[in-house]
Amino acid sequence: MKNTGLKKWQFALIYSAVIAVSIVLDQSSKILLEPVLADKDIPIIGRWFMLSWTLNDGAAFGMFGGQNVFFFIITLLALPMFVYLLIRSYYQGVWGQVGYSFIIGGLIGNAIDRLFLAQEGFFSGYVRDFFYVKGFAVFNVADSFLVVGTICAVLALMFFDKDAVFPLKKKAENENE
């Protein structure tokens, strides 16, 4: 089975960098916006889309609030699975590779909050959210990486991987590569 054209060290370096950048973007956005948003909301598109600071003790987009310890445990269990899927994707296409990297980065970004959120103490279980969409959710950069990563991973598994459920390339083309 052929790989994606990258040597293993290149693959590891690129996707480690993608994971690191997603974590840095998430954590830096939270650090920079917290003091700005502490006492006020900033409308971006009227009252429909705003920057609004909140602590979330649930899953992405505030779902299932009050289950903060459960979600931290799920994160600890999910991380090795997504690392395995990322490594496995070396022989697949870039959609899954990017998707799994984004998922890993998003999981780690939110896990850092759950574990080390300073104002709530060690292992608070809270995540800092600040993007507010009226009637929908409050979320953060890590949540965005999780959603985009999941979409990429599902597209890879459904259409773009060499062993996809509904491959866009014919099987014969994949076997000749």
Protein backbone atom coordinates (compact mmCIF):
# COMPACT_ATOMS: atom_id res chain seq x y z
CA MET A 1 0.00 0.00 0.00
CA LYS A 2 1.40 3.37 -1.00
CA ASN A 3 1.63 6.30 1.36
CA THR A 4 0.58 9.89 0.76
CA GLY A 5 3.92 10.91 -0.76
CA LEU A 6 5.40 12.13 2.51
CA LYS A 7 8.13 10.38 4.39
CA LYS A 8 7.02 9.31 7.85
CA TRP A 9 9.11 11.99 9.55
CA GLN A 10 7.60 14.66 7.26
CA PHE A 11 4.11 13.38 7.99
CA ALA A 12 4.80 13.43 11.75
CA LEU A 13 6.32 16.92 11.59
CA ILE A 14 3.54 18.46 9.48
CA TYR A 15 0.64 17.06 11.48
CA SER A 16 2.33 17.69 14.83
CA ALA A 17 2.63 21.31 13.68
CA VAL A 18 -1.06 21.39 12.68
CA ILE A 19 -1.99 20.09 16.13
CA ALA A 20 0.33 22.56 17.88
CA VAL A 21 -0.96 25.53 15.86
CA SER A 22 -4.58 24.64 16.62
CA ILE A 23 -3.79 24.44 20.35
CA VAL A 24 -1.88 27.74 20.27
CA LEU A 25 -4.69 29.50 18.37
CA ASP A 26 -7.26 28.20 20.85
CA GLN A 27 -5.34 29.05 24.01
CA SER A 28 -4.05 32.41 22.78
CA SER A 29 -7.54 33.50 21.71
CA LYS A 30 -8.82 32.68 25.21
CA ILE A 31 -5.94 34.45 26.93
CA LEU A 32 -6.27 37.55 24.76
CA LEU A 33 -10.06 37.83 24.83
CA GLU A 34 -10.75 37.04 28.49
CA PRO A 35 -9.71 40.47 29.87
CA VAL A 36 -11.44 42.26 26.98
CA LEU A 37 -14.73 40.40 27.38
CA ALA A 38 -14.79 40.08 31.18
CA ASP A 39 -17.36 42.83 31.70
CA LYS A 40 -18.96 43.31 28.29
CA ASP A 41 -20.20 41.71 25.10
CA ILE A 42 -18.92 42.86 21.72
CA PRO A 43 -21.48 42.68 18.90
CA ILE A 44 -20.05 41.46 15.60
CA ILE A 45 -23.33 41.14 13.66
CA GLY A 46 -25.87 42.92 15.84
CA ARG A 47 -27.08 40.73 18.70
CA TRP A 48 -27.08 37.68 16.42
CA PHE A 49 -23.31 37.00 16.50
CA MET A 50 -21.24 38.40 19.36
CA LEU A 51 -18.14 37.90 21.43
CA SER A 52 -19.48 37.02 24.88
CA TRP A 53 -17.39 35.44 27.65
CA THR A 54 -18.72 32.38 29.47
CA LEU A 55 -17.47 29.30 31.28
CA ASN A 56 -18.91 26.07 29.92
CA ASP A 57 -19.13 22.91 32.02
CA GLY A 58 -20.54 20.79 29.19
CA ALA A 59 -19.52 19.54 25.77
CA ALA A 60 -18.86 21.56 22.65
CA PHE A 61 -21.38 24.36 22.14
CA GLY A 62 -22.52 24.08 25.76
CA MET A 63 -24.39 20.81 25.28
CA PHE A 64 -24.94 18.53 28.28
CA GLY A 65 -23.90 21.08 30.91
CA GLY A 66 -22.77 19.91 34.33
CA GLN A 67 -20.96 16.84 32.98
CA ASN A 68 -17.47 18.37 33.12
CA VAL A 69 -15.68 15.38 34.72
CA PHE A 70 -17.36 12.99 32.29
CA PHE A 71 -16.19 15.03 29.29
CA PHE A 72 -12.65 15.20 30.60
CA ILE A 73 -12.61 11.38 30.92
CA ILE A 74 -14.08 11.03 27.42
CA THR A 75 -11.31 13.31 26.14
CA LEU A 76 -8.64 11.15 27.79
CA LEU A 77 -10.15 8.05 26.20
CA ALA A 78 -10.70 9.66 22.78
CA LEU A 79 -7.21 11.15 22.34
CA PRO A 80 -5.37 7.84 21.82
CA MET A 81 -8.05 6.71 19.37
CA PHE A 82 -7.68 9.85 17.24
CA VAL A 83 -3.88 9.63 17.39
CA TYR A 84 -4.21 6.05 16.09
CA LEU A 85 -6.57 7.23 13.32
CA LEU A 86 -4.13 9.99 12.38
CA ILE A 87 -1.25 7.51 12.17
CA ARG A 88 -3.45 5.12 10.16
CA SER A 89 -4.32 7.95 7.77
CA TYR A 90 -0.68 8.01 6.59
CA TYR A 91 -1.79 5.54 3.93
CA GLN A 92 -4.96 7.47 3.13
CA GLY A 93 -5.71 10.97 1.91
CA VAL A 94 -5.11 14.42 3.29
CA TRP A 95 -8.76 14.98 4.31
CA GLY A 96 -8.54 12.51 7.17
CA GLN A 97 -5.05 13.65 8.13
CA VAL A 98 -6.17 17.25 8.51
CA GLY A 99 -9.42 16.18 10.15
CA TYR A 100 -7.81 13.99 12.79
CA SER A 101 -5.16 16.64 13.48
CA PHE A 102 -7.85 19.29 14.02
CA ILE A 103 -9.80 16.93 16.30
CA ILE A 104 -6.70 16.18 18.37
CA GLY A 105 -5.83 19.89 18.62
CA GLY A 106 -9.40 20.79 19.63
CA LEU A 107 -9.56 18.03 22.23
CA ILE A 108 -6.26 19.09 23.76
CA GLY A 109 -7.22 22.80 23.69
CA ASN A 110 -10.39 22.14 25.66
CA ALA A 111 -8.66 19.59 27.93
CA ILE A 112 -6.12 22.25 28.93
CA ASP A 113 -9.01 24.45 30.05
CA ARG A 114 -10.77 21.64 31.91
CA LEU A 115 -7.58 20.72 33.74
CA PHE A 116 -5.83 24.03 34.38
CA LEU A 117 -8.42 26.83 34.27
CA ALA A 118 -6.75 29.06 36.85
CA GLN A 119 -9.65 31.10 38.19
CA GLU A 120 -11.65 27.96 38.98
CA GLY A 121 -8.76 25.91 40.43
CA PHE A 122 -7.03 22.75 39.31
CA PHE A 123 -9.34 20.40 37.42
CA SER A 124 -12.28 22.75 37.26
CA GLY A 125 -13.77 20.95 34.28
CA TYR A 126 -14.76 24.28 32.70
CA VAL A 127 -13.97 25.44 29.18
CA ARG A 128 -13.71 29.12 28.20
CA ASP A 129 -16.16 30.00 25.40
CA PHE A 130 -16.66 33.36 23.71
CA PHE A 131 -18.24 33.07 20.24
CA TYR A 132 -22.00 33.53 20.74
CA VAL A 133 -24.54 32.75 18.02
CA LYS A 134 -28.04 33.71 19.18
CA GLY A 135 -30.31 30.74 19.59
CA PHE A 136 -27.52 28.29 18.78
CA ALA A 137 -24.48 28.16 21.03
CA VAL A 138 -21.48 29.70 22.69
CA PHE A 139 -18.23 28.10 21.56
CA ASN A 140 -14.49 28.63 21.19
CA VAL A 141 -11.70 28.06 18.68
CA ALA A 142 -11.13 24.47 19.90
CA ASP A 143 -14.81 23.67 19.32
CA SER A 144 -14.46 25.07 15.80
CA PHE A 145 -11.46 22.81 15.17
CA LEU A 146 -13.44 19.85 16.51
CA VAL A 147 -16.36 20.53 14.15
CA VAL A 148 -14.24 21.20 11.05
CA GLY A 149 -12.04 18.20 11.89
CA THR A 150 -15.05 15.93 12.27
CA ILE A 151 -16.46 17.10 8.94
CA CYS A 152 -13.10 16.46 7.22
CA ALA A 153 -12.76 13.02 8.86
CA VAL A 154 -16.29 11.98 7.89
CA LEU A 155 -15.74 13.15 4.31
CA ALA A 156 -12.49 11.17 4.22
CA LEU A 157 -14.14 8.01 5.53
CA MET A 158 -17.15 8.39 3.25
CA PHE A 159 -15.58 9.60 -0.01
CA PHE A 160 -11.88 10.45 -0.12
CA ASP A 161 -9.91 7.67 1.60
CA LYS A 162 -8.65 4.81 -0.54
CA ASP A 163 -10.95 2.46 1.38
CA ALA A 164 -13.86 4.93 1.61
CA VAL A 165 -17.44 3.71 1.88
CA PHE A 166 -18.39 5.55 -1.33
CA PRO A 167 -15.01 6.25 -2.98
CA LEU A 168 -14.92 9.02 -5.53
CA LYS A 169 -12.10 7.20 -7.33
CA LYS A 170 -12.77 3.78 -8.75
CA LYS A 171 -11.26 0.85 -6.82
CA ALA A 172 -9.02 -0.06 -9.77
CA GLU A 173 -7.48 3.41 -9.77
CA ASN A 174 -6.74 3.13 -6.04
CA GLU A 175 -5.10 -0.29 -6.42
CA ASN A 176 -2.80 0.96 -9.22
CA GLU A 177 -1.51 3.88 -7.14
